[in-house]
Amino acid sequence: MASSLARLGAALPRARPCATARALPPGRWDAAALGASRRAALNACRCQVHSDVKVAPASDLKDGSKSETWRIKMLYDGDCPLCMREVNMLRERNKSYGAIKFVDISSKDYSPDNNQGLDYETAMGRIHAILSDGTVVTDVEAFRKLYEEVGLGWVYAVTKYEPVATMANAVYGVWAKYRMQITGRPPLEEIMASRRAAGECKDDKVCKM
């Protein structure tokens, strides 16, 4: 057994010797100085041990891909000036949370396939948000979920309860119905026709008529 232990000891990497304590000048062998000298030697040893430990870079992890960390998507109309005020406010708040992924439905790159099948016309009709588990929420509930993710849940907290919930959705419904006129934009039908004429609606999945 002794020979086996000897071979095992020879195979193990040898630790580098720790730095010895600094010699003290004559007449300074008091307890405080001796304690400081011992601590210095111990710290030097610790630093040497830590320097010998190699940590693999993040790129060497088995799963090198970076997963998205968003908890909710906000589908917004980038051509709506009033809507963008709220979007910009949420975007600024989201810098500290990273919980919201903003998706502009007016973009040429918007894809219903990546957003639970919500085409442009449907998304334009009212506010839509998509939770990370795929659940689609609309109207005031969507705003409530979005605000909760950036620490402003108290703003819409009262809308969880009746009759406030019904009243809030009714008010939002009126806004959603007339928001094009309120913001000085043409009716949705004209916008759809314009997008189709511009070649932005070649795919029926993007602009369902």
C-alpha atoms as a PDB file:
ATOM      1  CA  MET A   1       0.000   0.000   0.000  1.00  0.00           C
ATOM      2  CA  ALA A   2       2.880   2.336   0.813  1.00  0.00           C
ATOM      3  CA  SER A   3       4.308   1.948  -2.684  1.00  0.00           C
ATOM      4  CA  SER A   4       0.865   2.617  -4.194  1.00  0.00           C
ATOM      5  CA  LEU A   5       0.536   5.797  -2.176  1.00  0.00           C
ATOM      6  CA  ALA A   6       4.000   6.833  -3.256  1.00  0.00           C
ATOM      7  CA  ARG A   7       3.149   6.365  -6.938  1.00  0.00           C
ATOM      8  CA  LEU A   8      -0.123   8.271  -6.435  1.00  0.00           C
ATOM      9  CA  GLY A   9       1.693  11.113  -4.743  1.00  0.00           C
ATOM     10  CA  ALA A  10       4.198  11.296  -7.579  1.00  0.00           C
ATOM     11  CA  ALA A  11       1.395  11.476 -10.127  1.00  0.00           C
ATOM     12  CA  LEU A  12      -0.384  14.377  -8.418  1.00  0.00           C
ATOM     13  CA  PRO A  13       0.634  17.942  -9.450  1.00  0.00           C
ATOM     14  CA  ARG A  14       2.930  19.511  -6.937  1.00  0.00           C
ATOM     15  CA  ALA A  15       1.797  22.793  -5.378  1.00  0.00           C
ATOM     16  CA  ARG A  16       4.197  25.670  -5.683  1.00  0.00           C
ATOM     17  CA  PRO A  17       5.853  26.629  -2.433  1.00  0.00           C
ATOM     18  CA  CYS A  18       4.224  29.534  -0.636  1.00  0.00           C
ATOM     19  CA  ALA A  19       6.169  32.674  -0.069  1.00  0.00           C
ATOM     20  CA  THR A  20       7.855  32.724   3.290  1.00  0.00           C
ATOM     21  CA  ALA A  21       7.195  35.432   5.779  1.00  0.00           C
ATOM     22  CA  ARG A  22       9.332  38.542   5.382  1.00  0.00           C
ATOM     23  CA  ALA A  23      12.191  38.678   7.825  1.00  0.00           C
ATOM     24  CA  LEU A  24      11.630  41.192  10.584  1.00  0.00           C
ATOM     25  CA  PRO A  25      14.351  43.599  11.668  1.00  0.00           C
ATOM     26  CA  PRO A  26      15.955  43.050  15.040  1.00  0.00           C
ATOM     27  CA  GLY A  27      13.954  44.278  17.943  1.00  0.00           C
ATOM     28  CA  ARG A  28      10.602  43.992  16.158  1.00  0.00           C
ATOM     29  CA  TRP A  29       9.551  40.514  17.314  1.00  0.00           C
ATOM     30  CA  ASP A  30       6.439  41.755  18.986  1.00  0.00           C
ATOM     31  CA  ALA A  31       3.070  39.947  18.697  1.00  0.00           C
ATOM     32  CA  ALA A  32       1.481  42.460  16.296  1.00  0.00           C
ATOM     33  CA  ALA A  33       4.373  42.380  13.852  1.00  0.00           C
ATOM     34  CA  LEU A  34       4.601  38.616  13.992  1.00  0.00           C
ATOM     35  CA  GLY A  35       0.865  38.322  13.308  1.00  0.00           C
ATOM     36  CA  ALA A  36       1.122  40.677  10.326  1.00  0.00           C
ATOM     37  CA  SER A  37       4.019  38.670   8.928  1.00  0.00           C
ATOM     38  CA  ARG A  38       2.086  35.426   9.188  1.00  0.00           C
ATOM     39  CA  ARG A  39      -0.977  36.956   7.519  1.00  0.00           C
ATOM     40  CA  ALA A  40       1.149  38.239   4.633  1.00  0.00           C
ATOM     41  CA  ALA A  41       2.619  34.786   4.078  1.00  0.00           C
ATOM     42  CA  LEU A  42      -0.829  33.178   4.180  1.00  0.00           C
ATOM     43  CA  ASN A  43      -2.265  35.676   1.674  1.00  0.00           C
ATOM     44  CA  ALA A  44       0.647  35.092  -0.669  1.00  0.00           C
ATOM     45  CA  CYS A  45      -0.037  31.363  -0.526  1.00  0.00           C
ATOM     46  CA  ARG A  46      -3.723  31.875  -1.235  1.00  0.00           C
ATOM     47  CA  CYS A  47      -3.024  34.111  -4.216  1.00  0.00           C
ATOM     48  CA  GLN A  48      -0.647  31.524  -5.632  1.00  0.00           C
ATOM     49  CA  VAL A  49      -3.259  28.770  -5.321  1.00  0.00           C
ATOM     50  CA  HIS A  50      -5.938  30.902  -6.983  1.00  0.00           C
ATOM     51  CA  SER A  51      -3.621  31.847  -9.828  1.00  0.00           C
ATOM     52  CA  ASP A  52      -3.069  28.179 -10.581  1.00  0.00           C
ATOM     53  CA  VAL A  53      -6.788  27.517 -10.989  1.00  0.00           C
ATOM     54  CA  LYS A  54      -7.901  27.952 -14.581  1.00  0.00           C
ATOM     55  CA  VAL A  55     -11.513  28.830 -15.319  1.00  0.00           C
ATOM     56  CA  ALA A  56     -12.922  27.874 -18.687  1.00  0.00           C
ATOM     57  CA  PRO A  57     -14.259  30.871 -20.671  1.00  0.00           C
ATOM     58  CA  ALA A  58     -17.992  31.154 -21.231  1.00  0.00           C
ATOM     59  CA  SER A  59     -17.572  30.210 -24.880  1.00  0.00           C
ATOM     60  CA  ASP A  60     -16.367  26.771 -23.791  1.00  0.00           C
ATOM     61  CA  LEU A  61     -19.671  25.886 -22.135  1.00  0.00           C
ATOM     62  CA  LYS A  62     -21.530  22.964 -23.642  1.00  0.00           C
ATOM     63  CA  ASP A  63     -24.461  25.189 -24.534  1.00  0.00           C
ATOM     64  CA  GLY A  64     -22.806  28.091 -26.299  1.00  0.00           C
ATOM     65  CA  SER A  65     -26.080  29.647 -27.429  1.00  0.00           C
ATOM     66  CA  LYS A  66     -27.536  32.595 -25.536  1.00  0.00           C
ATOM     67  CA  SER A  67     -31.242  32.258 -24.827  1.00  0.00           C
ATOM     68  CA  GLU A  68     -33.493  35.315 -24.841  1.00  0.00           C
ATOM     69  CA  THR A  69     -34.509  36.499 -21.426  1.00  0.00           C
ATOM     70  CA  TRP A  70     -37.712  38.379 -22.275  1.00  0.00           C
ATOM     71  CA  ARG A  71     -40.833  37.553 -20.274  1.00  0.00           C
ATOM     72  CA  ILE A  72     -43.376  39.324 -22.462  1.00  0.00           C
ATOM     73  CA  LYS A  73     -43.585  40.682 -26.002  1.00  0.00           C
ATOM     74  CA  MET A  74     -45.264  43.969 -26.729  1.00  0.00           C
ATOM     75  CA  LEU A  75     -46.755  44.191 -30.206  1.00  0.00           C
ATOM     76  CA  TYR A  76     -47.015  47.886 -30.998  1.00  0.00           C
ATOM     77  CA  ASP A  77     -47.856  50.124 -33.941  1.00  0.00           C
ATOM     78  CA  GLY A  78     -44.686  52.038 -34.726  1.00  0.00           C
ATOM     79  CA  ASP A  79     -46.604  54.466 -36.936  1.00  0.00           C
ATOM     80  CA  CYS A  80     -48.867  55.613 -34.100  1.00  0.00           C
ATOM     81  CA  PRO A  81     -47.430  58.817 -32.534  1.00  0.00           C
ATOM     82  CA  LEU A  82     -49.423  58.569 -29.299  1.00  0.00           C
ATOM     83  CA  CYS A  83     -48.661  54.871 -28.960  1.00  0.00           C
ATOM     84  CA  MET A  84     -44.945  55.551 -29.327  1.00  0.00           C
ATOM     85  CA  ARG A  85     -44.923  57.845 -26.315  1.00  0.00           C
ATOM     86  CA  GLU A  86     -45.949  54.939 -24.131  1.00  0.00           C
ATOM     87  CA  VAL A  87     -43.673  52.511 -25.946  1.00  0.00           C
ATOM     88  CA  ASN A  88     -40.679  54.804 -25.445  1.00  0.00           C
ATOM     89  CA  MET A  89     -41.483  55.182 -21.757  1.00  0.00           C
ATOM     90  CA  LEU A  90     -41.699  51.408 -21.311  1.00  0.00           C
ATOM     91  CA  ARG A  91     -38.557  50.907 -23.359  1.00  0.00           C
ATOM     92  CA  GLU A  92     -36.658  53.306 -21.112  1.00  0.00           C
ATOM     93  CA  ARG A  93     -37.903  51.527 -17.992  1.00  0.00           C
ATOM     94  CA  ASN A  94     -37.088  48.164 -19.535  1.00  0.00           C
ATOM     95  CA  LYS A  95     -33.385  49.034 -19.648  1.00  0.00           C
ATOM     96  CA  SER A  96     -33.253  48.160 -15.968  1.00  0.00           C
ATOM     97  CA  TYR A  97     -35.383  45.006 -16.277  1.00  0.00           C
ATOM     98  CA  GLY A  98     -34.837  43.448 -19.705  1.00  0.00           C
ATOM     99  CA  ALA A  99     -38.219  41.738 -19.426  1.00  0.00           C
ATOM    100  CA  ILE A 100     -40.008  43.155 -22.473  1.00  0.00           C
ATOM    101  CA  LYS A 101     -39.331  42.392 -26.110  1.00  0.00           C
ATOM    102  CA  PHE A 102     -40.706  45.122 -28.351  1.00  0.00           C
ATOM    103  CA  VAL A 103     -42.117  44.068 -31.733  1.00  0.00           C
ATOM    104  CA  ASP A 104     -43.147  46.703 -34.268  1.00  0.00           C
ATOM    105  CA  ILE A 105     -46.057  45.313 -36.279  1.00  0.00           C
ATOM    106  CA  SER A 106     -45.677  48.069 -38.872  1.00  0.00           C
ATOM    107  CA  SER A 107     -42.195  46.857 -39.783  1.00  0.00           C
ATOM    108  CA  LYS A 108     -41.662  45.093 -43.095  1.00  0.00           C
ATOM    109  CA  ASP A 109     -39.918  42.338 -41.146  1.00  0.00           C
ATOM    110  CA  TYR A 110     -42.901  41.618 -38.907  1.00  0.00           C
ATOM    111  CA  SER A 111     -43.765  37.917 -39.013  1.00  0.00           C
ATOM    112  CA  PRO A 112     -47.033  36.446 -37.681  1.00  0.00           C
ATOM    113  CA  ASP A 113     -45.334  33.046 -37.533  1.00  0.00           C
ATOM    114  CA  ASN A 114     -43.036  34.396 -34.827  1.00  0.00           C
ATOM    115  CA  ASN A 115     -45.904  35.992 -32.930  1.00  0.00           C
ATOM    116  CA  GLN A 116     -48.535  33.337 -32.321  1.00  0.00           C
ATOM    117  CA  GLY A 117     -50.056  33.798 -35.782  1.00  0.00           C
ATOM    118  CA  LEU A 118     -51.186  37.378 -35.149  1.00  0.00           C
ATOM    119  CA  ASP A 119     -51.362  39.042 -38.559  1.00  0.00           C
ATOM    120  CA  TYR A 120     -51.012  42.776 -39.141  1.00  0.00           C
ATOM    121  CA  GLU A 121     -54.732  43.496 -39.347  1.00  0.00           C
ATOM    122  CA  THR A 122     -55.503  41.647 -36.111  1.00  0.00           C
ATOM    123  CA  ALA A 123     -52.601  43.244 -34.250  1.00  0.00           C
ATOM    124  CA  MET A 124     -53.681  46.688 -35.447  1.00  0.00           C
ATOM    125  CA  GLY A 125     -57.173  46.239 -34.026  1.00  0.00           C
ATOM    126  CA  ARG A 126     -56.100  46.376 -30.367  1.00  0.00           C
ATOM    127  CA  ILE A 127     -53.055  46.016 -28.147  1.00  0.00           C
ATOM    128  CA  HIS A 128     -51.608  42.495 -28.001  1.00  0.00           C
ATOM    129  CA  ALA A 129     -48.901  41.092 -25.748  1.00  0.00           C
ATOM    130  CA  ILE A 130     -47.439  37.592 -25.755  1.00  0.00           C
ATOM    131  CA  LEU A 131     -46.124  35.955 -22.598  1.00  0.00           C
ATOM    132  CA  SER A 132     -43.007  33.802 -22.726  1.00  0.00           C
ATOM    133  CA  ASP A 133     -45.170  30.662 -22.490  1.00  0.00           C
ATOM    134  CA  GLY A 134     -47.074  31.692 -25.642  1.00  0.00           C
ATOM    135  CA  THR A 135     -50.186  33.044 -23.916  1.00  0.00           C
ATOM    136  CA  VAL A 136     -51.704  36.012 -25.766  1.00  0.00           C
ATOM    137  CA  VAL A 137     -53.205  38.809 -23.690  1.00  0.00           C
ATOM    138  CA  THR A 138     -55.092  41.840 -25.022  1.00  0.00           C
ATOM    139  CA  ASP A 139     -56.642  45.143 -24.032  1.00  0.00           C
ATOM    140  CA  VAL A 140     -56.095  46.447 -20.496  1.00  0.00           C
ATOM    141  CA  GLU A 141     -54.707  43.112 -19.306  1.00  0.00           C
ATOM    142  CA  ALA A 142     -51.857  43.493 -21.799  1.00  0.00           C
ATOM    143  CA  PHE A 143     -50.994  46.913 -20.400  1.00  0.00           C
ATOM    144  CA  ARG A 144     -51.192  45.574 -16.855  1.00  0.00           C
ATOM    145  CA  LYS A 145     -48.792  42.712 -17.625  1.00  0.00           C
ATOM    146  CA  LEU A 146     -46.361  45.039 -19.384  1.00  0.00           C
ATOM    147  CA  TYR A 147     -46.349  47.582 -16.579  1.00  0.00           C
ATOM    148  CA  GLU A 148     -45.866  44.864 -13.971  1.00  0.00           C
ATOM    149  CA  GLU A 149     -42.688  43.716 -15.715  1.00  0.00           C
ATOM    150  CA  VAL A 150     -41.058  47.143 -15.361  1.00  0.00           C
ATOM    151  CA  GLY A 151     -42.029  47.860 -11.775  1.00  0.00           C
ATOM    152  CA  LEU A 152     -45.148  49.912 -12.517  1.00  0.00           C
ATOM    153  CA  GLY A 153     -47.776  47.319 -11.715  1.00  0.00           C
ATOM    154  CA  TRP A 154     -49.504  49.687  -9.298  1.00  0.00           C
ATOM    155  CA  VAL A 155     -50.668  51.846 -12.240  1.00  0.00           C
ATOM    156  CA  TYR A 156     -53.073  49.163 -13.496  1.00  0.00           C
ATOM    157  CA  ALA A 157     -53.476  47.145 -10.293  1.00  0.00           C
ATOM    158  CA  VAL A 158     -57.058  48.324  -9.745  1.00  0.00           C
ATOM    159  CA  THR A 159     -58.088  46.962 -13.173  1.00  0.00           C
ATOM    160  CA  LYS A 160     -57.821  43.423 -11.829  1.00  0.00           C
ATOM    161  CA  TYR A 161     -61.100  43.837 -10.014  1.00  0.00           C
ATOM    162  CA  GLU A 162     -64.704  44.309 -11.056  1.00  0.00           C
ATOM    163  CA  PRO A 163     -66.419  46.523 -12.000  1.00  0.00           C
ATOM    164  CA  VAL A 164     -63.251  48.494 -12.781  1.00  0.00           C
ATOM    165  CA  ALA A 165     -61.973  45.792 -15.144  1.00  0.00           C
ATOM    166  CA  THR A 166     -65.099  45.949 -17.323  1.00  0.00           C
ATOM    167  CA  MET A 167     -65.136  49.747 -17.334  1.00  0.00           C
ATOM    168  CA  ALA A 168     -61.444  50.002 -18.214  1.00  0.00           C
ATOM    169  CA  ASN A 169     -61.800  47.568 -21.116  1.00  0.00           C
ATOM    170  CA  ALA A 170     -64.836  49.483 -22.387  1.00  0.00           C
ATOM    171  CA  VAL A 171     -62.912  52.764 -22.370  1.00  0.00           C
ATOM    172  CA  TYR A 172     -59.945  51.159 -24.089  1.00  0.00           C
ATOM    173  CA  GLY A 173     -62.271  49.603 -26.675  1.00  0.00           C
ATOM    174  CA  VAL A 174     -63.482  53.058 -27.692  1.00  0.00           C
ATOM    175  CA  TRP A 175     -59.903  54.285 -27.991  1.00  0.00           C
ATOM    176  CA  ALA A 176     -58.871  51.260 -30.054  1.00  0.00           C
ATOM    177  CA  LYS A 177     -61.826  51.734 -32.403  1.00  0.00           C
ATOM    178  CA  TYR A 178     -61.199  55.413 -33.090  1.00  0.00           C
ATOM    179  CA  ARG A 179     -57.478  55.753 -32.536  1.00  0.00           C
ATOM    180  CA  MET A 180     -56.753  56.112 -36.245  1.00  0.00           C
ATOM    181  CA  GLN A 181     -59.025  59.138 -36.498  1.00  0.00           C
ATOM    182  CA  ILE A 182     -57.831  60.518 -33.160  1.00  0.00           C
ATOM    183  CA  THR A 183     -54.205  60.413 -34.288  1.00  0.00           C
ATOM    184  CA  GLY A 184     -55.031  61.884 -37.684  1.00  0.00           C
ATOM    185  CA  ARG A 185     -54.349  58.741 -39.686  1.00  0.00           C
ATOM    186  CA  PRO A 186     -56.417  57.201 -42.485  1.00  0.00           C
ATOM    187  CA  PRO A 187     -58.750  54.263 -41.742  1.00  0.00           C
ATOM    188  CA  LEU A 188     -57.204  50.829 -41.366  1.00  0.00           C
ATOM    189  CA  GLU A 189     -58.727  49.742 -44.688  1.00  0.00           C
ATOM    190  CA  GLU A 190     -56.790  52.456 -46.525  1.00  0.00           C
ATOM    191  CA  ILE A 191     -53.585  51.572 -44.705  1.00  0.00           C
ATOM    192  CA  MET A 192     -54.025  47.914 -45.658  1.00  0.00           C
ATOM    193  CA  ALA A 193     -54.605  48.865 -49.297  1.00  0.00           C
ATOM    194  CA  SER A 194     -51.550  51.114 -49.246  1.00  0.00           C
ATOM    195  CA  ARG A 195     -49.359  48.377 -47.803  1.00  0.00           C
ATOM    196  CA  ARG A 196     -50.592  45.925 -50.408  1.00  0.00           C
ATOM    197  CA  ALA A 197     -49.911  48.394 -53.199  1.00  0.00           C
ATOM    198  CA  ALA A 198     -46.422  48.978 -51.852  1.00  0.00           C
ATOM    199  CA  GLY A 199     -45.750  45.256 -52.046  1.00  0.00           C
ATOM    200  CA  GLU A 200     -45.609  44.809 -48.283  1.00  0.00           C
ATOM    201  CA  CYS A 201     -48.495  42.342 -48.234  1.00  0.00           C
ATOM    202  CA  LYS A 202     -47.319  39.709 -50.684  1.00  0.00           C
ATOM    203  CA  ASP A 203     -47.739  37.107 -47.977  1.00  0.00           C
ATOM    204  CA  ASP A 204     -51.317  36.671 -46.768  1.00  0.00           C
ATOM    205  CA  LYS A 205     -49.961  35.622 -43.382  1.00  0.00           C
ATOM    206  CA  VAL A 206     -48.482  39.091 -42.955  1.00  0.00           C
ATOM    207  CA  CYS A 207     -51.460  41.150 -44.137  1.00  0.00           C
ATOM    208  CA  LYS A 208     -54.659  39.200 -44.007  1.00  0.00           C
ATOM    209  CA  MET A 209     -57.463  41.037 -45.790  1.00  0.00           C
END
